[in-house]
Amino acid sequence: MIFDTAAPPQGTVKDWLDARAATDETAIVFPETGDRLTWRDLRDDARRMAEGLVGLGVAPGDSVAIVHPNGRAGVLALYAALYGGFRATMINLAAGPDAIAYALDHSGARFAFVHDSQRETITRIAPVGLRIIAPAMLEARRDIPAFDATQHALLMYTSGTTGQPKGVVHSHASLLAGGWTTAIAHELSPSDRGFCVLPIYHINGLCVTLMGALVSGGSLAMTARFSASSFWDQAAVAEVTWFSVVPTIISHLLHNPTNPSAEVCARLRFGRSASSALAVETQSAFEERFKVPIIETMGLTETAAQILSNPLPPGVRKIGSPGIGYGNAVCILTPELAPAAPMQEGEIAIRGPNVMLEYLHNPEATAKTFAGDWLRTGDLGHIDKDGYVFVTGRLKELIIKGGENIAPREIDEVLYSEPDIIEAAAFARPCKSYGETVEAAVSVKPGSQLSEAALIALCEQRLGKFKSPDCIHFLNELPKGPSGKIQRLKLAALV
């Protein structure tokens, strides 16, 4: 299979893995252990495991749960499910027992690959009939039935801020397209090695890094988890050329005293930020200190990760914008779900080969998410004259004070302009007078003397009193999802 920048990938993940295994090039290195997987090793092990699953009676399209952190075993379990034509059901280890139990039951999985660290939890909460796979269970192997690119490939549950999580279903076609949009936006090649520090049970880690490497023919370095103190040493040992992280990781790297060598920075073509908006001050300070360009992007679980990206240097990067569409089309919809006028604010919508098939067992939610063939992202924004999208907030996160809409991101940006701020998020608090009022939560550098009064004064100076927080809560750490994205809607209850 050949990476084509002009057209999305054809075939299945199985086809692409077979093609990569034609040579014995490195697929993944694990800097924490010194372990290494070639494409051929990866394909051969995945094929044996997939044949074992067929021998267990798993049918094409059946859910196979994967309960693993990043690592060799988790990667092999994922590729085994994909290679066999099964629906890889990625379980979010940070979701908590109730959400994990719901996903296992809702997915209909009868078998699960479970890491030793998760075995006790899964044994306790697993639905009746779910079997944890032991290696000996895969010894009776049978041929893998034929399947095509329309087959269900991935089931990933969104973090439900309200109600139960929704199960996003991707086909082989849309899963590969997710890797392709990353590869064309960032001009990935076989000589590139990405750095995967985000969990592969999240769409960014799985599609951007894993699928991006599979489609482009490059390789990866993978760690079990992100460590600010080890990040640069691991990047040096693994000789990575790019990395994909989230804004909170960029902020933690910026506030950590560890510095990379000049050789590491020279080798890095770019760093990539996604999952939530990157504060302008954070991006500028990171680039000034480390001399590594940060490419702000945007993606969703429903779109197999990336939908927008800024161009690589020397292309125009508009700081504060997640960029333009690569491989998919973008438009702005009015509240009536009609195309908006130029520069008009509305809901960002996406159309392309990377869009999900459906929410599993939830036709009502699926129907609400689509306007014709446009997928509604739930994000508000506008498109400028050059085609760059600017995100102004989330529909569900808007603060409506006295009938006026306030985008929390405006307040976040002001708070992040204070150098001692590591994490910040504004949120709504119910109020009898205004309906909702503005509050914020922050975490600061150890030893910081920042006060609530000083931060409120800064906001009032920049935004005016009406938009500024009435109070600011100082926390050791803000609540985050598996990708590191701050969970703004949990803050009101937490504080």
Protein backbone atom coordinates (compact mmCIF):
# COMPACT_ATOMS: atom_id res chain seq x y z
CA MET A 1 0.00 0.00 0.00
CA ILE A 2 1.34 3.42 -0.97
CA PHE A 3 0.73 6.63 0.96
CA ASP A 4 -1.07 9.05 -1.39
CA THR A 5 -1.48 12.66 -0.30
CA ALA A 6 -4.24 13.22 -2.87
CA ALA A 7 -6.67 10.50 -1.83
CA PRO A 8 -7.65 8.77 1.42
CA PRO A 9 -6.27 5.27 2.02
CA GLN A 10 -8.00 2.34 0.38
CA GLY A 11 -8.35 -1.12 1.91
CA THR A 12 -8.27 -2.21 5.54
CA VAL A 13 -5.85 -1.94 8.44
CA LYS A 14 -4.98 -5.58 7.71
CA ASP A 15 -3.99 -4.65 4.14
CA TRP A 16 -1.80 -1.78 5.34
CA LEU A 17 -0.12 -3.85 8.04
CA ASP A 18 0.64 -6.61 5.51
CA ALA A 19 2.19 -4.00 3.22
CA ARG A 20 4.38 -2.51 5.96
CA ALA A 21 5.52 -6.03 6.97
CA ALA A 22 7.07 -6.55 3.53
CA THR A 23 10.20 -4.98 5.01
CA ASP A 24 11.61 -5.47 8.49
CA GLU A 25 11.73 -1.77 9.36
CA THR A 26 11.13 -0.56 12.92
CA ALA A 27 7.50 0.15 13.78
CA ILE A 28 7.63 1.07 17.48
CA VAL A 29 10.35 1.57 20.07
CA PHE A 30 9.67 1.71 23.81
CA PRO A 31 12.29 3.99 25.43
CA GLU A 32 11.30 3.02 28.99
CA THR A 33 12.17 -0.66 28.41
CA GLY A 34 14.46 -0.61 25.37
CA ASP A 35 12.02 -2.95 23.61
CA ARG A 36 11.43 -2.71 19.85
CA LEU A 37 8.82 -3.99 17.39
CA THR A 38 9.39 -4.21 13.65
CA TRP A 39 6.44 -4.00 11.27
CA ARG A 40 6.96 -7.68 10.47
CA ASP A 41 6.99 -8.68 14.16
CA LEU A 42 3.89 -6.57 14.73
CA ARG A 43 2.04 -8.11 11.78
CA ASP A 44 3.05 -11.69 12.59
CA ASP A 45 2.05 -11.44 16.25
CA ALA A 46 -1.20 -9.63 15.41
CA ARG A 47 -2.07 -12.27 12.81
CA ARG A 48 -1.45 -15.16 15.22
CA MET A 49 -3.59 -13.51 17.88
CA ALA A 50 -6.34 -12.71 15.39
CA GLU A 51 -6.42 -16.32 14.19
CA GLY A 52 -6.68 -17.35 17.84
CA LEU A 53 -9.68 -15.06 18.29
CA VAL A 54 -11.36 -16.67 15.30
CA GLY A 55 -10.64 -20.02 16.95
CA LEU A 56 -12.49 -18.77 20.04
CA GLY A 57 -15.56 -18.09 17.93
CA VAL A 58 -15.22 -14.32 17.61
CA ALA A 59 -17.01 -13.27 14.41
CA PRO A 60 -16.23 -10.34 12.07
CA GLY A 61 -17.50 -7.11 13.58
CA ASP A 62 -17.76 -8.50 17.12
CA SER A 63 -16.46 -6.28 19.91
CA VAL A 64 -13.17 -7.30 21.52
CA ALA A 65 -12.41 -5.19 24.58
CA ILE A 66 -8.86 -3.91 25.13
CA VAL A 67 -8.09 -2.84 28.70
CA HIS A 68 -4.45 -1.80 28.49
CA PRO A 69 -2.19 1.18 29.08
CA ASN A 70 0.34 2.09 26.39
CA GLY A 71 2.86 -0.68 25.81
CA ARG A 72 3.78 -3.63 23.63
CA ALA A 73 0.93 -5.85 24.86
CA GLY A 74 -1.71 -3.15 24.34
CA VAL A 75 -0.51 -2.35 20.82
CA LEU A 76 -0.53 -6.03 19.86
CA ALA A 77 -4.04 -6.48 21.27
CA LEU A 78 -5.30 -3.49 19.27
CA TYR A 79 -3.72 -4.63 16.01
CA ALA A 80 -4.88 -8.22 16.56
CA ALA A 81 -8.49 -7.02 16.80
CA LEU A 82 -8.11 -4.81 13.72
CA TYR A 83 -6.25 -7.46 11.72
CA GLY A 84 -8.98 -10.03 12.35
CA GLY A 85 -11.84 -7.74 11.31
CA PHE A 86 -13.16 -7.40 14.85
CA ARG A 87 -14.35 -4.21 16.52
CA ALA A 88 -11.49 -3.04 18.76
CA THR A 89 -13.24 -1.66 21.85
CA MET A 90 -10.82 0.63 23.64
CA ILE A 91 -11.54 0.96 27.36
CA ASN A 92 -10.64 4.25 28.99
CA LEU A 93 -8.64 3.31 32.09
CA ALA A 94 -9.25 6.73 33.64
CA ALA A 95 -13.02 6.54 33.29
CA GLY A 96 -13.77 4.90 36.63
CA PRO A 97 -15.39 1.54 37.40
CA ASP A 98 -18.98 2.54 36.56
CA ALA A 99 -18.11 3.92 33.12
CA ILE A 100 -15.86 0.94 32.36
CA ALA A 101 -18.59 -1.50 33.37
CA TYR A 102 -21.06 0.38 31.17
CA ALA A 103 -18.72 0.28 28.13
CA LEU A 104 -18.03 -3.44 28.53
CA ASP A 105 -21.74 -4.21 28.78
CA HIS A 106 -22.94 -1.78 26.09
CA SER A 107 -20.32 -2.94 23.57
CA GLY A 108 -21.46 -6.56 23.80
CA ALA A 109 -17.86 -7.75 24.11
CA ARG A 110 -17.53 -11.43 25.05
CA PHE A 111 -13.73 -11.38 25.26
CA ALA A 112 -11.23 -8.88 26.62
CA PHE A 113 -7.47 -8.40 26.54
CA VAL A 114 -6.71 -7.17 30.07
CA HIS A 115 -3.43 -5.83 31.46
CA ASP A 116 -2.35 -7.34 34.78
CA SER A 117 -2.81 -3.98 36.52
CA GLN A 118 -6.48 -3.95 35.49
CA ARG A 119 -7.35 -7.59 36.08
CA GLU A 120 -8.77 -7.18 39.59
CA THR A 121 -11.02 -4.30 38.55
CA ILE A 122 -12.30 -6.04 35.42
CA THR A 123 -12.91 -9.30 37.29
CA ARG A 124 -15.01 -7.38 39.80
CA ILE A 125 -17.12 -5.28 37.41
CA ALA A 126 -17.26 -7.30 34.18
CA PRO A 127 -20.71 -8.20 32.86
CA VAL A 128 -21.74 -11.85 33.01
CA GLY A 129 -20.20 -13.80 30.14
CA LEU A 130 -17.12 -11.63 29.53
CA ARG A 131 -13.97 -13.76 29.43
CA ILE A 132 -10.46 -12.41 30.03
CA ILE A 133 -8.15 -13.74 27.33
CA ALA A 134 -5.15 -15.79 28.44
CA PRO A 135 -2.41 -16.66 25.90
CA ALA A 136 -3.31 -20.37 26.00
CA MET A 137 -6.84 -19.52 24.82
CA LEU A 138 -5.46 -18.34 21.45
CA GLU A 139 -3.61 -21.53 20.54
CA ALA A 140 -6.43 -23.11 18.52
CA ARG A 141 -6.12 -20.87 15.48
CA ARG A 142 -8.41 -20.65 12.46
CA ASP A 143 -8.30 -18.69 9.19
CA ILE A 144 -9.47 -15.09 9.28
CA PRO A 145 -12.68 -14.52 7.25
CA ALA A 146 -12.54 -11.91 4.49
CA PHE A 147 -13.79 -8.39 5.27
CA ASP A 148 -13.62 -4.99 3.60
CA ALA A 149 -13.09 -1.33 4.52
CA THR A 150 -16.73 -0.86 5.55
CA GLN A 151 -16.32 -3.31 8.44
CA HIS A 152 -16.55 -1.88 11.96
CA ALA A 153 -12.98 -1.37 13.20
CA LEU A 154 -13.05 0.78 16.33
CA LEU A 155 -15.45 1.44 19.19
CA MET A 156 -14.40 4.24 21.51
CA TYR A 157 -16.54 5.77 24.24
CA THR A 158 -16.68 9.52 24.64
CA SER A 159 -16.34 10.87 28.17
CA GLY A 160 -19.93 11.61 29.09
CA THR A 161 -20.14 14.97 30.85
CA THR A 162 -23.91 14.49 30.97
CA GLY A 163 -25.63 11.12 30.76
CA GLN A 164 -23.97 7.90 29.69
CA PRO A 165 -20.94 7.87 27.37
CA LYS A 166 -21.66 7.41 23.67
CA GLY A 167 -19.91 4.66 21.72
CA VAL A 168 -18.31 6.10 18.59
CA VAL A 169 -18.01 3.55 15.76
CA HIS A 170 -15.37 3.87 13.04
CA SER A 171 -14.90 1.66 10.00
CA HIS A 172 -11.53 0.62 8.63
CA ALA A 173 -11.95 3.33 6.02
CA SER A 174 -12.57 6.17 8.50
CA LEU A 175 -9.91 4.90 10.93
CA LEU A 176 -7.24 4.92 8.22
CA ALA A 177 -8.49 8.31 7.00
CA GLY A 178 -7.83 9.65 10.50
CA GLY A 179 -4.18 8.70 10.16
CA TRP A 180 -4.13 10.09 6.63
CA THR A 181 -5.39 13.57 7.60
CA THR A 182 -2.54 13.77 10.12
CA ALA A 183 0.03 12.52 7.63
CA ILE A 184 -0.88 14.99 4.89
CA ALA A 185 -1.15 17.98 7.23
CA HIS A 186 2.25 17.32 8.80
CA GLU A 187 3.97 15.90 5.72
CA LEU A 188 4.90 12.69 7.50
CA SER A 189 7.32 10.36 5.72
CA PRO A 190 8.99 7.00 6.39
CA SER A 191 11.92 8.87 7.95
CA ASP A 192 9.73 10.38 10.68
CA ARG A 193 9.38 8.97 14.17
CA GLY A 194 6.49 10.24 16.28
CA PHE A 195 6.43 10.36 20.07
CA CYS A 196 3.29 8.77 21.56
CA VAL A 197 2.86 9.85 25.18
CA LEU A 198 -0.94 10.07 25.02
CA PRO A 199 -2.93 6.90 25.77
CA ILE A 200 -3.98 4.86 22.76
CA TYR A 201 -7.37 4.36 24.38
CA HIS A 202 -7.90 8.00 23.39
CA ILE A 203 -8.48 8.97 19.74
CA ASN A 204 -5.44 11.27 19.57
CA GLY A 205 -2.97 8.60 20.65
CA LEU A 206 -4.60 5.95 18.49
CA CYS A 207 -5.25 7.80 15.24
CA VAL A 208 -2.72 10.62 15.15
CA THR A 209 0.31 8.60 16.19
CA LEU A 210 -0.48 4.92 15.54
CA MET A 211 -2.55 5.30 12.37
CA GLY A 212 -0.42 8.22 11.20
CA ALA A 213 2.67 6.00 11.33
CA LEU A 214 0.90 3.06 9.66
CA VAL A 215 -0.33 5.16 6.74
CA SER A 216 2.89 7.18 6.25
CA GLY A 217 5.27 4.26 6.83
CA GLY A 218 7.12 6.01 9.64
CA SER A 219 7.68 4.75 13.17
CA LEU A 220 6.84 5.60 16.77
CA ALA A 221 8.32 5.87 20.21
CA MET A 222 5.78 4.99 22.88
CA THR A 223 5.81 5.49 26.64
CA ALA A 224 3.38 4.15 29.22
CA ARG A 225 2.54 7.68 30.30
CA PHE A 226 3.72 11.26 30.01
CA SER A 227 6.45 12.46 32.39
CA ALA A 228 7.57 16.09 32.28
CA SER A 229 10.92 15.24 33.87
CA SER A 230 11.63 12.32 31.48
CA PHE A 231 10.09 13.67 28.25
CA TRP A 232 13.21 15.22 26.72
CA ASP A 233 15.53 12.35 27.68
CA GLN A 234 13.08 9.85 26.16
CA ALA A 235 12.83 11.98 23.02
CA ALA A 236 16.62 11.94 22.76
CA VAL A 237 16.99 8.18 23.25
CA ALA A 238 14.22 7.39 20.76
CA GLU A 239 15.37 10.01 18.20
CA VAL A 240 11.88 11.33 17.61
CA THR A 241 11.14 13.92 14.92
CA TRP A 242 7.70 15.07 16.11
CA PHE A 243 5.31 14.70 19.00
CA SER A 244 1.58 15.00 19.61
CA VAL A 245 0.41 16.30 22.99
CA VAL A 246 -2.32 18.43 24.59
CA PRO A 247 -2.12 21.97 25.98
CA THR A 248 -1.76 20.85 29.59
CA ILE A 249 1.35 18.84 28.65
CA ILE A 250 2.84 21.82 26.82
CA SER A 251 2.21 23.92 29.92
CA HIS A 252 3.81 21.33 32.22
CA LEU A 253 6.89 21.07 29.97
CA LEU A 254 7.15 24.85 29.95
CA HIS A 255 7.04 25.04 33.75
CA ASN A 256 9.47 22.15 34.29
CA PRO A 257 13.15 23.10 34.73
CA THR A 258 14.35 20.23 32.49
CA ASN A 259 15.78 21.40 29.18
CA PRO A 260 16.39 19.32 26.03
CA SER A 261 19.73 19.20 24.29
CA ALA A 262 20.30 21.29 21.19
CA GLU A 263 20.48 18.03 19.21
CA VAL A 264 16.97 17.01 20.32
CA CYS A 265 15.49 20.38 19.39
CA ALA A 266 17.25 20.39 16.03
CA ARG A 267 15.85 16.92 15.22
CA LEU A 268 12.27 17.85 16.15
CA ARG A 269 10.43 19.17 13.11
CA PHE A 270 7.40 20.20 15.15
CA GLY A 271 5.24 19.54 18.15
CA ARG A 272 1.52 19.12 17.74
CA SER A 273 -1.18 20.38 20.10
CA ALA A 274 -4.77 19.13 20.09
CA SER A 275 -7.77 18.21 22.28
CA SER A 276 -8.47 21.74 23.51
CA ALA A 277 -7.50 25.30 22.74
CA LEU A 278 -3.85 26.23 23.28
CA ALA A 279 -3.37 29.57 25.04
CA VAL A 280 -1.51 32.09 22.89
CA GLU A 281 0.92 32.95 25.70
CA THR A 282 1.72 29.29 26.35
CA GLN A 283 2.47 28.60 22.70
CA SER A 284 4.66 31.67 22.31
CA ALA A 285 6.61 30.98 25.50
CA PHE A 286 7.20 27.33 24.55
CA GLU A 287 8.52 28.21 21.10
CA GLU A 288 10.72 30.95 22.49
CA ARG A 289 12.30 28.63 25.08
CA PHE A 290 12.66 25.39 23.14
CA LYS A 291 12.85 26.65 19.52
CA VAL A 292 10.40 23.94 18.44
CA PRO A 293 7.36 25.09 16.43
CA ILE A 294 3.99 24.10 17.88
CA ILE A 295 1.29 23.28 15.35
CA GLU A 296 -2.14 23.85 16.82
CA THR A 297 -4.76 21.42 15.54
CA MET A 298 -8.28 20.27 16.34
CA GLY A 299 -9.93 16.88 16.31
CA LEU A 300 -12.77 14.79 17.69
CA THR A 301 -13.37 11.16 18.58
CA GLU A 302 -16.15 11.28 15.99
CA THR A 303 -13.72 12.29 13.23
CA ALA A 304 -10.91 9.81 13.99
CA ALA A 305 -8.98 12.73 15.47
CA GLN A 306 -7.76 15.53 13.23
CA ILE A 307 -10.09 17.83 11.32
CA LEU A 308 -8.05 21.06 11.30
CA SER A 309 -4.38 21.93 11.39
CA ASN A 310 -2.12 24.89 10.91
CA PRO A 311 0.45 24.42 8.12
CA LEU A 312 4.03 23.54 8.94
CA PRO A 313 6.60 26.35 8.77
CA PRO A 314 7.19 28.28 6.57
CA GLY A 315 3.43 28.20 5.98
CA VAL A 316 1.30 30.71 7.86
CA ARG A 317 0.49 29.58 11.39
CA LYS A 318 -2.21 31.74 12.88
CA ILE A 319 -1.72 31.54 16.62
CA GLY A 320 -5.10 31.19 18.29
CA SER A 321 -6.55 29.20 15.38
CA PRO A 322 -6.49 25.38 15.01
CA GLY A 323 -5.99 25.96 11.30
CA ILE A 324 -7.62 24.82 8.09
CA GLY A 325 -9.14 21.58 6.88
CA TYR A 326 -6.82 18.83 5.61
CA GLY A 327 -8.60 15.93 3.93
CA ASN A 328 -12.03 17.10 5.05
CA ALA A 329 -14.31 20.08 4.45
CA VAL A 330 -15.35 22.53 7.16
CA CYS A 331 -18.27 24.95 7.35
CA ILE A 332 -20.11 27.10 9.89
CA LEU A 333 -23.78 26.39 10.58
CA THR A 334 -26.39 28.80 11.92
CA PRO A 335 -28.77 27.76 14.74
CA GLU A 336 -31.16 26.74 11.95
CA LEU A 337 -28.39 24.41 10.62
CA ALA A 338 -28.00 26.44 7.43
CA PRO A 339 -24.60 27.59 6.09
CA ALA A 340 -23.51 30.79 7.82
CA ALA A 341 -22.47 33.97 6.05
CA PRO A 342 -18.74 34.74 5.70
CA MET A 343 -17.13 35.57 9.08
CA GLN A 344 -20.43 34.82 10.88
CA GLU A 345 -20.13 32.87 14.11
CA GLY A 346 -21.92 29.55 14.38
CA GLU A 347 -21.39 25.84 14.96
CA ILE A 348 -18.37 24.26 13.28
CA ALA A 349 -19.32 21.27 11.10
CA ILE A 350 -17.18 18.71 9.26
CA ARG A 351 -17.57 16.45 6.23
CA GLY A 352 -14.96 13.92 5.09
CA PRO A 353 -13.78 10.30 4.89
CA ASN A 354 -12.67 10.35 8.55
CA VAL A 355 -16.17 10.89 9.96
CA MET A 356 -17.64 8.16 12.16
CA LEU A 357 -20.32 5.72 11.06
CA GLU A 358 -22.61 6.08 14.09
CA TYR A 359 -23.04 6.01 17.83
CA LEU A 360 -23.49 2.36 18.73
CA HIS A 361 -27.10 1.43 19.61
CA ASN A 362 -28.05 5.12 19.68
CA PRO A 363 -29.77 6.20 16.46
CA GLU A 364 -31.34 9.26 18.12
CA ALA A 365 -27.95 10.72 19.15
CA THR A 366 -26.52 9.81 15.74
CA ALA A 367 -29.31 11.69 13.96
CA LYS A 368 -28.86 14.79 16.16
CA THR A 369 -25.13 14.88 15.45
CA PHE A 370 -25.58 15.13 11.69
CA ALA A 371 -27.06 17.94 9.61
CA GLY A 372 -27.35 16.22 6.26
CA ASP A 373 -23.86 14.85 5.66
CA TRP A 374 -22.23 17.45 7.93
CA LEU A 375 -21.12 16.29 11.38
CA ARG A 376 -21.88 18.90 14.04
CA THR A 377 -18.89 19.34 16.33
CA GLY A 378 -20.63 21.24 19.14
CA ASP A 379 -17.93 23.92 18.91
CA LEU A 380 -18.63 27.56 18.10
CA GLY A 381 -16.43 29.59 15.80
CA HIS A 382 -15.99 31.40 12.52
CA ILE A 383 -13.83 31.07 9.40
CA ASP A 384 -11.68 34.00 8.30
CA LYS A 385 -11.05 35.14 4.74
CA ASP A 386 -8.05 32.78 4.42
CA GLY A 387 -10.02 29.70 5.48
CA TYR A 388 -8.62 29.51 9.04
CA VAL A 389 -11.09 28.48 11.71
CA PHE A 390 -11.24 30.36 15.00
CA VAL A 391 -12.94 28.55 17.88
CA THR A 392 -14.79 30.73 20.35
CA GLY A 393 -16.23 28.10 22.67
CA ARG A 394 -18.32 24.98 23.19
CA LEU A 395 -22.09 25.11 22.92
CA LYS A 396 -22.40 23.15 26.15
CA GLU A 397 -19.76 25.24 27.95
CA LEU A 398 -21.05 28.72 27.13
CA ILE A 399 -21.66 30.87 30.20
CA ILE A 400 -24.95 32.73 29.80
CA LYS A 401 -24.89 35.66 32.22
CA GLY A 402 -27.88 37.97 32.16
CA GLY A 403 -28.76 36.71 28.70
CA GLU A 404 -25.28 37.47 27.32
CA ASN A 405 -23.09 34.66 25.98
CA ILE A 406 -19.58 34.52 27.47
CA ALA A 407 -17.03 32.14 25.97
CA PRO A 408 -14.91 30.60 28.78
CA ARG A 409 -11.91 30.55 26.46
CA GLU A 410 -11.73 34.37 26.56
CA ILE A 411 -11.17 34.21 30.30
CA ASP A 412 -8.77 31.25 30.05
CA GLU A 413 -6.56 33.24 27.66
CA VAL A 414 -6.25 36.13 30.11
CA LEU A 415 -5.42 33.83 33.03
CA TYR A 416 -2.76 31.99 31.01
CA SER A 417 -1.05 35.33 30.28
CA GLU A 418 0.12 35.27 33.91
CA PRO A 419 3.44 33.30 33.84
CA ASP A 420 2.79 31.46 37.12
CA ILE A 421 -0.40 29.82 35.82
CA ILE A 422 0.00 26.14 34.86
CA GLU A 423 -3.67 25.29 34.30
CA ALA A 424 -6.74 27.49 34.09
CA ALA A 425 -10.42 27.13 33.22
CA ALA A 426 -13.40 29.42 33.59
CA PHE A 427 -16.84 27.92 34.20
CA ALA A 428 -20.45 28.80 34.97
CA ARG A 429 -22.02 28.88 38.42
CA PRO A 430 -25.84 29.07 38.82
CA CYS A 431 -26.92 32.51 40.02
CA LYS A 432 -30.38 33.83 41.03
CA SER A 433 -29.70 37.32 39.71
CA TYR A 434 -28.06 36.56 36.35
CA GLY A 435 -28.98 32.92 35.70
CA GLU A 436 -25.27 32.11 35.61
CA THR A 437 -22.19 33.89 36.81
CA VAL A 438 -18.48 33.43 36.05
CA GLU A 439 -15.94 31.62 38.20
CA ALA A 440 -12.56 30.10 37.39
CA ALA A 441 -10.13 27.51 38.71
CA VAL A 442 -6.35 27.62 38.38
CA SER A 443 -3.26 25.70 39.39
CA VAL A 444 -0.04 27.65 39.84
CA LYS A 445 3.69 27.01 40.06
CA PRO A 446 4.98 25.88 43.49
CA GLY A 447 5.92 28.87 45.59
CA SER A 448 3.86 31.33 43.54
CA GLN A 449 2.54 34.35 45.42
CA LEU A 450 -0.34 34.95 43.01
CA SER A 451 -3.53 36.03 44.74
CA GLU A 452 -7.17 35.76 43.78
CA ALA A 453 -7.52 39.54 43.90
CA ALA A 454 -4.62 40.05 41.49
CA LEU A 455 -6.04 37.59 38.96
CA ILE A 456 -9.53 39.08 39.12
CA ALA A 457 -8.02 42.54 38.62
CA LEU A 458 -6.11 41.26 35.58
CA CYS A 459 -9.32 39.88 34.09
CA GLU A 460 -11.23 43.09 34.76
CA GLN A 461 -8.47 45.11 33.13
CA ARG A 462 -8.55 42.95 29.98
CA LEU A 463 -12.20 41.90 29.77
CA GLY A 464 -14.22 44.33 31.87
CA LYS A 465 -16.07 43.53 35.09
CA PHE A 466 -19.08 41.80 33.48
CA LYS A 467 -17.06 38.98 31.89
CA SER A 468 -14.57 38.61 34.73
CA PRO A 469 -14.76 35.86 37.36
CA ASP A 470 -16.46 36.68 40.64
CA CYS A 471 -14.06 34.30 42.35
CA ILE A 472 -11.07 32.15 41.45
CA HIS A 473 -10.35 28.78 43.07
CA PHE A 474 -6.76 27.60 43.54
CA LEU A 475 -6.40 23.82 43.04
CA ASN A 476 -3.38 21.54 43.00
CA GLU A 477 -4.59 20.14 39.69
CA LEU A 478 -7.67 20.65 37.53
CA PRO A 479 -9.78 17.58 36.61
CA LYS A 480 -8.80 16.13 33.26
CA GLY A 481 -9.92 13.37 30.92
CA PRO A 482 -7.69 10.59 29.52
CA SER A 483 -6.12 12.88 26.91
CA GLY A 484 -5.23 15.55 29.46
CA LYS A 485 -8.09 17.83 28.42
CA ILE A 486 -9.42 19.89 31.32
CA GLN A 487 -12.99 18.85 32.15
CA ARG A 488 -14.54 22.26 32.59
CA LEU A 489 -18.06 21.00 33.26
CA LYS A 490 -16.90 19.15 36.40
CA LEU A 491 -15.43 22.22 38.06
CA ALA A 492 -18.58 23.70 39.57
CA ALA A 493 -19.34 20.52 41.49
CA LEU A 494 -15.69 20.01 42.44
CA VAL A 495 -15.14 23.42 44.03
